[in-house]
Amino acid sequence: MEVSFKGNRPASSEIQQALADLDLGEIRVQPAGEHDFILRFKDVEEAKHQEILAVLKDVFVLPSEIEQSDTTEIDAGKGVLTEQRFESVGPIVGQELKQKTWLAIFLAALMIVAYIAYAFRKVSKPVASWKFGVAAILALIHDILIVTGLFSLLGHFAGVEVDSLFITALLTILGFSVHDTIVVFDRTRENLSKHYSGNFEQVVNDSINQTINRSINTSLTTLLALFALYFGGGDTITNFVLALIAGMVIGTYSSIFVASPIVVSWYNIDRKLKSR
């Protein structure tokens, strides 16, 4: 919902406080330009929409001006309040977006496996190249599940809601985690092609040790910027930045302690099956 004040507009906190009792979920009030506000809250029906406008009218219109104003354009003493637009995303649209999101994730995962399999095509022993891609996808699932679980707990105990920014954060985490995992795998590929002597576990361990400083330093510098945004960026992006912080920490952890051990475990399982 976008409203415009022709004159001095009130503070964001005043609007949030006025609508706090309407059961709108997490209300986000974002300034837009010099005179507008964009209000975001849970999906509501038209009756609730009119109730929101009525509350704004009751709070911001002077008593002597109520009779002379209508619902969408009212003299609030501080200026004229105009509702510019109202958009509602219902369950039908939400279900369609969910289906497209799952399809996009599946296609992205398939392309990651294909790319890593192609990049590792010259190093097919002792582990098939496509298995590195599958290990990277499993590490991604690990990262996303932990971040999603964290926000599920925050939603249950603190009323935090997920929105499009949260989805954006998850996609950013996917990119960062894959990038960090491929750096480790790429060093493993180099060591396998140059120094492989039959001890696959030792090669993977050496590759992790050679890249661990780079992974930690990259994550720390990114976290410095994220913490600055978290504490000074404003309420509208707090949850978005929190998801990124959690994802960066978990993504760095999984690149070292999840993705590579999956490849090694897969190698050991294959070796045991072949020995029978």
Protein backbone atom coordinates (compact mmCIF):
# COMPACT_ATOMS: atom_id res chain seq x y z
CA MET A 1 0.00 0.00 0.00
CA GLU A 2 1.45 3.39 -1.02
CA VAL A 3 0.25 6.62 0.56
CA SER A 4 1.39 10.15 -0.14
CA PHE A 5 1.44 13.20 2.13
CA LYS A 6 1.26 16.53 0.34
CA GLY A 7 3.07 18.49 3.01
CA ASN A 8 4.93 17.39 6.10
CA ARG A 9 4.57 13.63 6.43
CA PRO A 10 4.61 11.90 9.83
CA ALA A 11 7.39 9.61 11.03
CA SER A 12 7.39 5.93 10.02
CA SER A 13 7.06 4.93 13.66
CA GLU A 14 3.81 6.92 13.96
CA ILE A 15 2.21 4.97 11.12
CA GLN A 16 3.42 1.64 12.53
CA GLN A 17 2.03 2.53 15.93
CA ALA A 18 -1.33 3.57 14.45
CA LEU A 19 -1.74 0.22 12.66
CA ALA A 20 -0.26 -1.99 15.38
CA ASP A 21 -3.65 -3.26 16.65
CA LEU A 22 -5.06 -4.35 13.26
CA ASP A 23 -3.43 -7.81 13.17
CA LEU A 24 -1.48 -7.08 9.98
CA GLY A 25 1.53 -9.19 10.92
CA GLU A 26 4.90 -7.56 10.56
CA ILE A 27 4.29 -4.02 9.28
CA ARG A 28 7.09 -2.39 7.32
CA VAL A 29 6.87 1.31 6.57
CA GLN A 30 9.40 2.48 4.00
CA PRO A 31 9.81 6.12 2.95
CA ALA A 32 9.62 6.65 -0.82
CA GLY A 33 10.69 9.99 -2.21
CA GLU A 34 9.94 13.14 -0.24
CA HIS A 35 6.24 12.63 0.47
CA ASP A 36 5.34 8.94 0.08
CA PHE A 37 5.32 5.85 2.27
CA ILE A 38 5.18 2.22 1.14
CA LEU A 39 3.47 -0.03 3.68
CA ARG A 40 3.97 -3.80 3.53
CA PHE A 41 1.98 -6.29 5.59
CA LYS A 42 0.24 -9.64 5.22
CA ASP A 43 -2.46 -10.32 2.61
CA VAL A 44 -5.77 -8.69 3.60
CA GLU A 45 -9.28 -8.57 2.19
CA GLU A 46 -11.02 -5.40 1.04
CA ALA A 47 -12.82 -4.94 4.36
CA LYS A 48 -9.50 -4.89 6.19
CA HIS A 49 -8.13 -2.53 3.54
CA GLN A 50 -10.91 -0.07 4.29
CA GLU A 51 -10.31 -0.49 8.00
CA ILE A 52 -6.65 0.48 7.52
CA LEU A 53 -7.70 3.64 5.70
CA ALA A 54 -10.23 4.41 8.45
CA VAL A 55 -7.55 4.07 11.14
CA LEU A 56 -5.20 6.37 9.23
CA LYS A 57 -8.05 8.84 8.95
CA ASP A 58 -8.85 8.65 12.67
CA VAL A 59 -5.22 9.11 13.70
CA PHE A 60 -4.02 11.72 11.25
CA VAL A 61 -7.13 13.80 10.50
CA LEU A 62 -8.04 16.65 12.80
CA PRO A 63 -11.58 16.21 14.26
CA SER A 64 -12.87 19.34 12.58
CA GLU A 65 -11.79 18.02 9.17
CA ILE A 66 -13.21 14.50 9.32
CA GLU A 67 -16.62 15.42 7.92
CA GLN A 68 -15.05 17.22 4.98
CA SER A 69 -12.78 14.32 3.91
CA ASP A 70 -13.33 11.04 2.11
CA THR A 71 -11.54 7.70 2.51
CA THR A 72 -8.65 8.02 0.12
CA GLU A 73 -7.79 11.71 0.27
CA ILE A 74 -7.92 13.42 3.63
CA ASP A 75 -6.56 16.59 5.16
CA ALA A 76 -4.45 15.36 8.05
CA GLY A 77 -3.36 18.69 9.41
CA LYS A 78 0.15 17.76 8.27
CA GLY A 79 -1.00 17.73 4.65
CA VAL A 80 -3.30 15.83 2.31
CA LEU A 81 -3.03 12.05 2.58
CA THR A 82 -3.64 10.23 -0.71
CA GLU A 83 -3.68 6.50 -1.30
CA GLN A 84 -1.63 6.03 -4.47
CA ARG A 85 -2.04 2.27 -4.89
CA PHE A 86 -2.99 -0.92 -3.11
CA GLU A 87 -1.77 -4.33 -4.29
CA SER A 88 -2.52 -7.69 -2.71
CA VAL A 89 -0.81 -11.01 -3.48
CA GLY A 90 -3.28 -13.77 -2.70
CA PRO A 91 -2.78 -17.55 -2.37
CA ILE A 92 -3.33 -18.30 -6.08
CA VAL A 93 -0.48 -16.02 -7.14
CA GLY A 94 1.58 -17.23 -4.17
CA GLN A 95 1.17 -20.88 -5.26
CA GLU A 96 2.21 -20.02 -8.80
CA LEU A 97 5.31 -18.23 -7.57
CA LYS A 98 6.15 -21.18 -5.31
CA GLN A 99 5.96 -23.62 -8.22
CA LYS A 100 8.14 -21.40 -10.42
CA THR A 101 10.64 -21.01 -7.58
CA TRP A 102 10.99 -24.78 -7.14
CA LEU A 103 11.42 -25.19 -10.90
CA ALA A 104 14.09 -22.48 -10.99
CA ILE A 105 15.96 -24.09 -8.08
CA PHE A 106 15.83 -27.52 -9.76
CA LEU A 107 17.12 -26.15 -13.07
CA ALA A 108 19.87 -24.18 -11.32
CA ALA A 109 20.97 -27.28 -9.38
CA LEU A 110 21.01 -29.33 -12.59
CA MET A 111 23.14 -26.73 -14.34
CA ILE A 112 25.58 -26.60 -11.41
CA VAL A 113 26.05 -30.38 -11.57
CA ALA A 114 26.53 -30.22 -15.35
CA TYR A 115 29.02 -27.37 -15.13
CA ILE A 116 31.16 -29.01 -12.43
CA ALA A 117 31.05 -32.33 -14.29
CA TYR A 118 32.33 -30.55 -17.41
CA ALA A 119 35.00 -28.58 -15.52
CA PHE A 120 36.25 -31.79 -13.85
CA ARG A 121 36.02 -33.92 -17.02
CA LYS A 122 39.80 -34.47 -17.16
CA VAL A 123 39.88 -35.66 -13.55
CA SER A 124 37.55 -38.67 -13.48
CA LYS A 125 39.61 -40.80 -11.12
CA PRO A 126 39.30 -41.92 -8.41
CA VAL A 127 35.91 -40.11 -8.19
CA ALA A 128 33.63 -39.42 -11.15
CA SER A 129 33.52 -35.71 -12.01
CA TRP A 130 29.72 -35.43 -11.66
CA LYS A 131 29.93 -36.54 -8.03
CA PHE A 132 31.67 -33.26 -7.14
CA GLY A 133 28.62 -31.45 -8.51
CA VAL A 134 26.21 -33.58 -6.49
CA ALA A 135 28.29 -32.97 -3.35
CA ALA A 136 28.09 -29.21 -3.98
CA ILE A 137 24.29 -29.44 -4.30
CA LEU A 138 24.01 -31.43 -1.06
CA ALA A 139 26.08 -28.76 0.69
CA LEU A 140 23.72 -26.11 -0.71
CA ILE A 141 20.70 -27.98 0.65
CA HIS A 142 22.46 -28.10 4.03
CA ASP A 143 22.98 -24.31 3.97
CA ILE A 144 19.42 -23.47 2.92
CA LEU A 145 17.83 -25.83 5.43
CA ILE A 146 19.75 -24.30 8.34
CA VAL A 147 18.95 -20.70 7.37
CA THR A 148 15.29 -21.57 6.74
CA GLY A 149 15.13 -23.42 10.04
CA LEU A 150 16.62 -20.43 11.84
CA PHE A 151 13.94 -18.12 10.43
CA SER A 152 11.24 -20.66 11.25
CA LEU A 153 12.33 -20.45 14.89
CA LEU A 154 12.46 -16.65 14.71
CA GLY A 155 8.99 -16.63 13.18
CA HIS A 156 7.63 -18.85 15.95
CA PHE A 157 9.22 -17.07 18.90
CA ALA A 158 9.74 -13.50 17.62
CA GLY A 159 7.07 -13.08 14.92
CA VAL A 160 9.59 -12.63 12.10
CA GLU A 161 8.03 -13.08 8.64
CA VAL A 162 9.69 -14.14 5.41
CA ASP A 163 9.19 -12.07 2.28
CA SER A 164 10.74 -11.48 -1.12
CA LEU A 165 13.89 -10.11 0.50
CA PHE A 166 14.32 -13.41 2.34
CA ILE A 167 14.09 -15.28 -0.99
CA THR A 168 16.68 -12.88 -2.39
CA ALA A 169 18.93 -13.64 0.59
CA LEU A 170 18.59 -17.39 -0.02
CA LEU A 171 19.58 -16.96 -3.67
CA THR A 172 22.57 -14.87 -2.63
CA ILE A 173 23.59 -17.56 -0.14
CA LEU A 174 23.33 -20.17 -2.89
CA GLY A 175 25.71 -18.21 -5.09
CA PHE A 176 28.21 -17.55 -2.33
CA SER A 177 28.20 -21.13 -1.05
CA VAL A 178 28.65 -22.65 -4.52
CA HIS A 179 31.46 -20.22 -5.25
CA ASP A 180 33.29 -21.10 -2.05
CA THR A 181 32.78 -24.85 -2.56
CA ILE A 182 34.04 -24.73 -6.14
CA VAL A 183 37.22 -22.98 -4.97
CA VAL A 184 37.97 -25.95 -2.69
CA PHE A 185 37.01 -28.47 -5.35
CA ASP A 186 39.11 -26.69 -7.96
CA ARG A 187 42.19 -26.98 -5.77
CA THR A 188 41.36 -30.66 -5.29
CA ARG A 189 41.17 -31.03 -9.06
CA GLU A 190 44.57 -29.40 -9.51
CA ASN A 191 46.17 -31.59 -6.86
CA LEU A 192 44.61 -34.75 -8.31
CA SER A 193 45.92 -33.98 -11.79
CA LYS A 194 49.43 -33.10 -10.56
CA HIS A 195 50.13 -34.89 -7.32
CA TYR A 196 47.73 -37.80 -7.08
CA SER A 197 49.48 -40.83 -5.65
CA GLY A 198 46.60 -43.06 -4.63
CA ASN A 199 45.70 -41.48 -1.27
CA PHE A 200 42.55 -39.58 -2.17
CA GLU A 201 41.74 -38.57 1.40
CA GLN A 202 45.16 -36.95 1.82
CA VAL A 203 44.78 -35.01 -1.43
CA VAL A 204 41.40 -33.62 -0.32
CA ASN A 205 42.78 -32.76 3.12
CA ASP A 206 45.75 -30.93 1.59
CA SER A 207 43.42 -29.03 -0.74
CA ILE A 208 41.26 -27.86 2.17
CA ASN A 209 44.32 -26.73 4.13
CA GLN A 210 45.58 -24.78 1.11
CA THR A 211 42.29 -22.89 0.67
CA ILE A 212 41.01 -22.54 4.24
CA ASN A 213 42.71 -19.19 4.87
CA ARG A 214 41.27 -17.77 1.67
CA SER A 215 37.76 -18.98 2.56
CA ILE A 216 37.85 -17.59 6.09
CA ASN A 217 39.36 -14.24 5.10
CA THR A 218 36.83 -13.75 2.30
CA SER A 219 33.95 -14.51 4.65
CA LEU A 220 35.27 -12.25 7.41
CA THR A 221 35.59 -9.24 5.11
CA THR A 222 32.06 -9.86 3.81
CA LEU A 223 30.73 -10.19 7.37
CA LEU A 224 32.25 -6.84 8.34
CA ALA A 225 30.11 -5.14 5.70
CA LEU A 226 27.03 -7.15 6.66
CA PHE A 227 27.34 -6.32 10.36
CA ALA A 228 27.62 -2.63 9.44
CA LEU A 229 24.39 -2.94 7.45
CA TYR A 230 22.69 -4.91 10.23
CA PHE A 231 23.36 -2.34 12.93
CA GLY A 232 23.08 0.79 10.78
CA GLY A 233 21.01 -0.12 7.74
CA GLY A 234 17.51 0.39 9.11
CA ASP A 235 14.61 -1.88 10.04
CA THR A 236 13.50 -2.60 6.47
CA ILE A 237 16.60 -4.72 5.65
CA THR A 238 17.38 -6.14 9.11
CA ASN A 239 15.98 -9.62 8.42
CA PHE A 240 17.50 -9.67 4.95
CA VAL A 241 20.97 -8.91 6.33
CA LEU A 242 20.50 -11.39 9.20
CA ALA A 243 19.77 -14.14 6.68
CA LEU A 244 22.90 -13.21 4.74
CA ILE A 245 25.03 -13.27 7.90
CA ALA A 246 23.75 -16.72 8.85
CA GLY A 247 24.19 -17.94 5.28
CA MET A 248 27.75 -16.67 4.99
CA VAL A 249 28.78 -18.40 8.22
CA ILE A 250 27.04 -21.67 7.33
CA GLY A 251 28.23 -21.51 3.70
CA THR A 252 31.87 -21.14 4.74
CA TYR A 253 31.48 -24.01 7.20
CA SER A 254 29.83 -26.31 4.66
CA SER A 255 32.43 -25.66 1.96
CA ILE A 256 35.11 -26.99 4.29
CA PHE A 257 33.35 -29.49 6.55
CA VAL A 258 30.41 -30.76 4.45
CA ALA A 259 31.06 -30.69 0.69
CA SER A 260 34.56 -32.24 0.66
CA PRO A 261 33.76 -34.91 3.31
CA ILE A 262 30.76 -35.96 1.19
CA VAL A 263 33.09 -36.61 -1.75
CA VAL A 264 35.52 -38.54 0.46
CA SER A 265 32.70 -40.60 2.02
CA TRP A 266 31.33 -41.38 -1.43
CA TYR A 267 34.82 -42.49 -2.53
CA ASN A 268 35.17 -44.77 0.52
CA ILE A 269 31.74 -46.31 -0.05
CA ASP A 270 32.54 -47.02 -3.70
CA ARG A 271 35.87 -48.53 -2.77
CA LYS A 272 34.27 -50.85 -0.20
CA LEU A 273 31.62 -51.96 -2.69
CA LYS A 274 34.23 -52.73 -5.34
CA SER A 275 36.33 -54.73 -2.88
CA ARG A 276 33.49 -57.14 -2.15
